Amino acid sequence: MGKMRNSILSIALHTHCFCSQFTFELLGS
């Protein structure tokens, strides 16, 4: 269970970073 939760957390973190970078690029242009 802990392993699965950690995996979901990792995916969520990567998604958040990707969205933040995308938004930053969008605002920068």
Protein backbone atom coordinates (compact mmCIF):
# COMPACT_ATOMS: atom_id res chain seq x y z
CA MET A 1 0.00 0.00 0.00
CA GLY A 2 2.78 2.42 0.95
CA LYS A 3 4.60 1.60 -2.28
CA MET A 4 1.50 2.26 -4.37
CA ARG A 5 0.83 5.55 -2.59
CA ASN A 6 4.43 6.62 -3.14
CA SER A 7 4.09 5.79 -6.84
CA ILE A 8 0.92 7.87 -7.16
CA LEU A 9 2.59 10.72 -5.28
CA SER A 10 5.58 10.55 -7.63
CA ILE A 11 3.34 10.65 -10.72
CA ALA A 12 1.37 13.56 -9.27
CA LEU A 13 4.59 15.44 -8.56
CA HIS A 14 5.89 14.93 -12.11
CA THR A 15 2.53 16.01 -13.54
CA HIS A 16 2.59 19.14 -11.36
CA CYS A 17 6.12 20.00 -12.49
CA PHE A 18 5.15 19.51 -16.13
CA CYS A 19 2.06 21.71 -15.75
CA SER A 20 4.07 24.40 -13.96
CA GLN A 21 6.70 24.40 -16.71
CA PHE A 22 4.01 24.51 -19.40
CA THR A 23 2.27 27.45 -17.70
CA PHE A 24 5.59 29.26 -17.26
CA GLU A 25 6.41 28.84 -20.96
CA LEU A 26 2.91 30.00 -21.89
CA LEU A 27 3.20 33.16 -19.78
CA GLY A 28 6.75 33.80 -20.97
CA SER A 29 5.78 33.96 -24.64
